[in-house]
Amino acid sequence: MSTVAEIEAAIQALPPAERERLADHLPSILPELNGDAIWQRLLKDERPRPALTALGDEIAAQFEKHPEVVV
């Protein structure tokens, strides 16, 4: 098994076309790169995020006051 540093060096040594091909295939190789999987992990994370909650509450309050305004 190679180390991460060896894998990084091997990727950097690839020709540009092969690096692009690898980039296209990475989500199937590493499912955690899948955008939907990332969002699902975030949505299921129960840790408190007071600043994000406050921002969401502020946006909701502004929308209730001015529903016609679309940003």
N, C-alpha and C. Protein backbone atom coordinates (compact mmCIF):
# COMPACT_ATOMS: atom_id res chain seq x y z
N MET A 1 0.86 -1.19 0.00
CA MET A 1 0.00 0.00 0.00
C MET A 1 0.89 1.23 0.00
N SER A 2 0.56 2.17 -0.83
CA SER A 2 1.32 3.41 -0.93
C SER A 2 0.87 4.41 0.12
N THR A 3 1.76 5.31 0.45
CA THR A 3 1.38 6.37 1.37
C THR A 3 0.67 7.46 0.57
N VAL A 4 0.02 8.36 1.28
CA VAL A 4 -0.67 9.46 0.63
C VAL A 4 0.32 10.30 -0.17
N ALA A 5 1.50 10.53 0.38
CA ALA A 5 2.51 11.32 -0.32
C ALA A 5 2.92 10.64 -1.63
N GLU A 6 3.05 9.33 -1.62
CA GLU A 6 3.40 8.60 -2.85
C GLU A 6 2.27 8.69 -3.88
N ILE A 7 1.05 8.60 -3.41
CA ILE A 7 -0.11 8.71 -4.32
C ILE A 7 -0.17 10.10 -4.91
N GLU A 8 0.02 11.13 -4.06
CA GLU A 8 0.02 12.51 -4.56
C GLU A 8 1.10 12.71 -5.61
N ALA A 9 2.30 12.19 -5.34
CA ALA A 9 3.41 12.34 -6.30
C ALA A 9 3.08 11.63 -7.61
N ALA A 10 2.47 10.45 -7.52
CA ALA A 10 2.11 9.71 -8.73
C ALA A 10 1.06 10.47 -9.54
N ILE A 11 0.10 11.06 -8.86
CA ILE A 11 -0.94 11.84 -9.56
C ILE A 11 -0.32 13.05 -10.24
N GLN A 12 0.56 13.74 -9.53
CA GLN A 12 1.20 14.91 -10.11
C GLN A 12 2.07 14.56 -11.31
N ALA A 13 2.58 13.33 -11.36
CA ALA A 13 3.43 12.90 -12.47
C ALA A 13 2.62 12.50 -13.71
N LEU A 14 1.32 12.36 -13.57
CA LEU A 14 0.49 11.97 -14.71
C LEU A 14 0.44 13.07 -15.75
N PRO A 15 0.30 12.70 -17.02
CA PRO A 15 0.08 13.71 -18.05
C PRO A 15 -1.28 14.39 -17.81
N PRO A 16 -1.44 15.62 -18.28
CA PRO A 16 -2.69 16.36 -18.04
C PRO A 16 -3.95 15.59 -18.43
N ALA A 17 -3.94 14.91 -19.55
CA ALA A 17 -5.15 14.18 -19.99
C ALA A 17 -5.49 13.07 -18.99
N GLU A 18 -4.49 12.40 -18.48
CA GLU A 18 -4.74 11.33 -17.51
C GLU A 18 -5.20 11.89 -16.17
N ARG A 19 -4.66 13.04 -15.78
CA ARG A 19 -5.12 13.69 -14.54
C ARG A 19 -6.58 14.09 -14.66
N GLU A 20 -6.96 14.60 -15.83
CA GLU A 20 -8.36 14.98 -16.06
C GLU A 20 -9.25 13.74 -16.00
N ARG A 21 -8.80 12.67 -16.61
CA ARG A 21 -9.57 11.42 -16.57
C ARG A 21 -9.73 10.93 -15.14
N LEU A 22 -8.64 11.01 -14.36
CA LEU A 22 -8.69 10.60 -12.97
C LEU A 22 -9.67 11.49 -12.19
N ALA A 23 -9.62 12.80 -12.43
CA ALA A 23 -10.52 13.72 -11.74
C ALA A 23 -11.98 13.37 -12.03
N ASP A 24 -12.27 12.98 -13.26
CA ASP A 24 -13.64 12.59 -13.62
C ASP A 24 -14.08 11.33 -12.88
N HIS A 25 -13.13 10.45 -12.58
CA HIS A 25 -13.46 9.17 -11.95
C HIS A 25 -13.36 9.20 -10.42
N LEU A 26 -12.79 10.25 -9.86
CA LEU A 26 -12.59 10.29 -8.41
C LEU A 26 -13.88 10.09 -7.60
N PRO A 27 -15.01 10.69 -7.97
CA PRO A 27 -16.21 10.46 -7.16
C PRO A 27 -16.63 8.99 -7.09
N SER A 28 -16.34 8.21 -8.12
CA SER A 28 -16.68 6.79 -8.05
C SER A 28 -15.64 6.02 -7.24
N ILE A 29 -14.41 6.52 -7.22
CA ILE A 29 -13.35 5.88 -6.45
C ILE A 29 -13.48 6.25 -4.97
N LEU A 30 -13.79 7.53 -4.73
CA LEU A 30 -13.94 8.05 -3.36
C LEU A 30 -15.36 8.59 -3.20
N PRO A 31 -16.30 7.75 -2.77
CA PRO A 31 -17.70 8.20 -2.67
C PRO A 31 -17.89 9.42 -1.79
N GLU A 32 -16.98 9.64 -0.85
CA GLU A 32 -17.14 10.81 0.01
C GLU A 32 -16.97 12.12 -0.74
N LEU A 33 -16.50 12.08 -1.99
CA LEU A 33 -16.41 13.28 -2.82
C LEU A 33 -17.73 13.61 -3.52
N ASN A 34 -18.64 12.68 -3.49
CA ASN A 34 -19.94 12.88 -4.12
C ASN A 34 -20.66 14.02 -3.39
N GLY A 35 -21.06 15.04 -4.13
CA GLY A 35 -21.70 16.21 -3.52
C GLY A 35 -22.93 15.85 -2.71
N ASP A 36 -23.76 14.92 -3.20
CA ASP A 36 -24.95 14.53 -2.46
C ASP A 36 -24.59 13.88 -1.14
N ALA A 37 -23.54 13.07 -1.13
CA ALA A 37 -23.11 12.41 0.10
C ALA A 37 -22.63 13.44 1.12
N ILE A 38 -21.93 14.46 0.63
CA ILE A 38 -21.45 15.52 1.52
C ILE A 38 -22.63 16.25 2.16
N TRP A 39 -23.63 16.61 1.34
CA TRP A 39 -24.81 17.30 1.88
C TRP A 39 -25.55 16.41 2.88
N GLN A 40 -25.69 15.13 2.59
CA GLN A 40 -26.37 14.23 3.51
C GLN A 40 -25.63 14.15 4.84
N ARG A 41 -24.31 14.10 4.79
CA ARG A 41 -23.51 14.06 6.02
C ARG A 41 -23.71 15.35 6.81
N LEU A 42 -23.75 16.49 6.11
CA LEU A 42 -23.98 17.77 6.80
C LEU A 42 -25.37 17.84 7.41
N LEU A 43 -26.37 17.37 6.67
CA LEU A 43 -27.75 17.43 7.17
C LEU A 43 -27.96 16.54 8.38
N LYS A 44 -27.24 15.44 8.46
CA LYS A 44 -27.39 14.50 9.57
C LYS A 44 -26.51 14.87 10.77
N ASP A 45 -25.63 15.82 10.59
CA ASP A 45 -24.73 16.24 11.66
C ASP A 45 -25.54 17.03 12.69
N GLU A 46 -25.59 16.53 13.90
CA GLU A 46 -26.44 17.15 14.93
C GLU A 46 -25.69 18.15 15.81
N ARG A 47 -24.42 18.41 15.49
CA ARG A 47 -23.69 19.37 16.32
C ARG A 47 -24.32 20.75 16.19
N PRO A 48 -24.38 21.49 17.28
CA PRO A 48 -24.96 22.84 17.21
C PRO A 48 -24.08 23.78 16.40
N ARG A 49 -24.73 24.61 15.63
CA ARG A 49 -24.03 25.61 14.83
C ARG A 49 -24.76 26.94 15.05
N PRO A 50 -24.50 27.59 16.19
CA PRO A 50 -25.27 28.79 16.54
C PRO A 50 -25.19 29.90 15.50
N ALA A 51 -24.04 30.14 14.91
CA ALA A 51 -23.92 31.22 13.92
C ALA A 51 -24.74 30.90 12.68
N LEU A 52 -24.71 29.66 12.23
CA LEU A 52 -25.49 29.27 11.05
C LEU A 52 -26.98 29.31 11.36
N THR A 53 -27.36 28.86 12.54
CA THR A 53 -28.77 28.91 12.95
C THR A 53 -29.25 30.35 13.02
N ALA A 54 -28.43 31.24 13.58
CA ALA A 54 -28.80 32.65 13.67
C ALA A 54 -28.96 33.26 12.28
N LEU A 55 -28.07 32.92 11.36
CA LEU A 55 -28.18 33.43 10.00
C LEU A 55 -29.46 32.93 9.33
N GLY A 56 -29.76 31.65 9.50
CA GLY A 56 -30.99 31.10 8.94
C GLY A 56 -32.22 31.77 9.52
N ASP A 57 -32.21 32.01 10.83
CA ASP A 57 -33.33 32.69 11.48
C ASP A 57 -33.49 34.12 10.95
N GLU A 58 -32.37 34.81 10.75
CA GLU A 58 -32.41 36.18 10.24
C GLU A 58 -32.97 36.20 8.81
N ILE A 59 -32.54 35.28 7.99
CA ILE A 59 -33.04 35.21 6.61
C ILE A 59 -34.54 34.91 6.61
N ALA A 60 -34.97 33.98 7.45
CA ALA A 60 -36.39 33.63 7.53
C ALA A 60 -37.22 34.84 7.98
N ALA A 61 -36.71 35.58 8.96
CA ALA A 61 -37.43 36.76 9.45
C ALA A 61 -37.54 37.82 8.37
N GLN A 62 -36.46 38.05 7.63
CA GLN A 62 -36.49 39.03 6.54
C GLN A 62 -37.47 38.60 5.45
N PHE A 63 -37.51 37.31 5.16
CA PHE A 63 -38.43 36.81 4.14
C PHE A 63 -39.88 36.98 4.57
N GLU A 64 -40.15 36.79 5.87
CA GLU A 64 -41.52 36.98 6.37
C GLU A 64 -41.94 38.45 6.24
N LYS A 65 -41.00 39.36 6.49
CA LYS A 65 -41.30 40.79 6.39
C LYS A 65 -41.46 41.24 4.94
N HIS A 66 -40.61 40.69 4.07
CA HIS A 66 -40.57 41.14 2.67
C HIS A 66 -40.50 39.93 1.72
N PRO A 67 -41.58 39.18 1.59
CA PRO A 67 -41.53 37.98 0.74
C PRO A 67 -41.34 38.29 -0.75
N GLU A 68 -41.62 39.53 -1.13
CA GLU A 68 -41.48 39.89 -2.55
C GLU A 68 -40.03 40.11 -2.97
N VAL A 69 -39.13 40.30 -2.00
CA VAL A 69 -37.74 40.56 -2.32
C VAL A 69 -37.02 39.23 -2.54
N VAL A 70 -36.43 39.10 -3.72
CA VAL A 70 -35.66 37.90 -4.04
C VAL A 70 -34.22 38.32 -4.25
N VAL A 71 -33.32 37.68 -3.51
CA VAL A 71 -31.90 38.05 -3.60
C VAL A 71 -31.18 37.04 -4.46
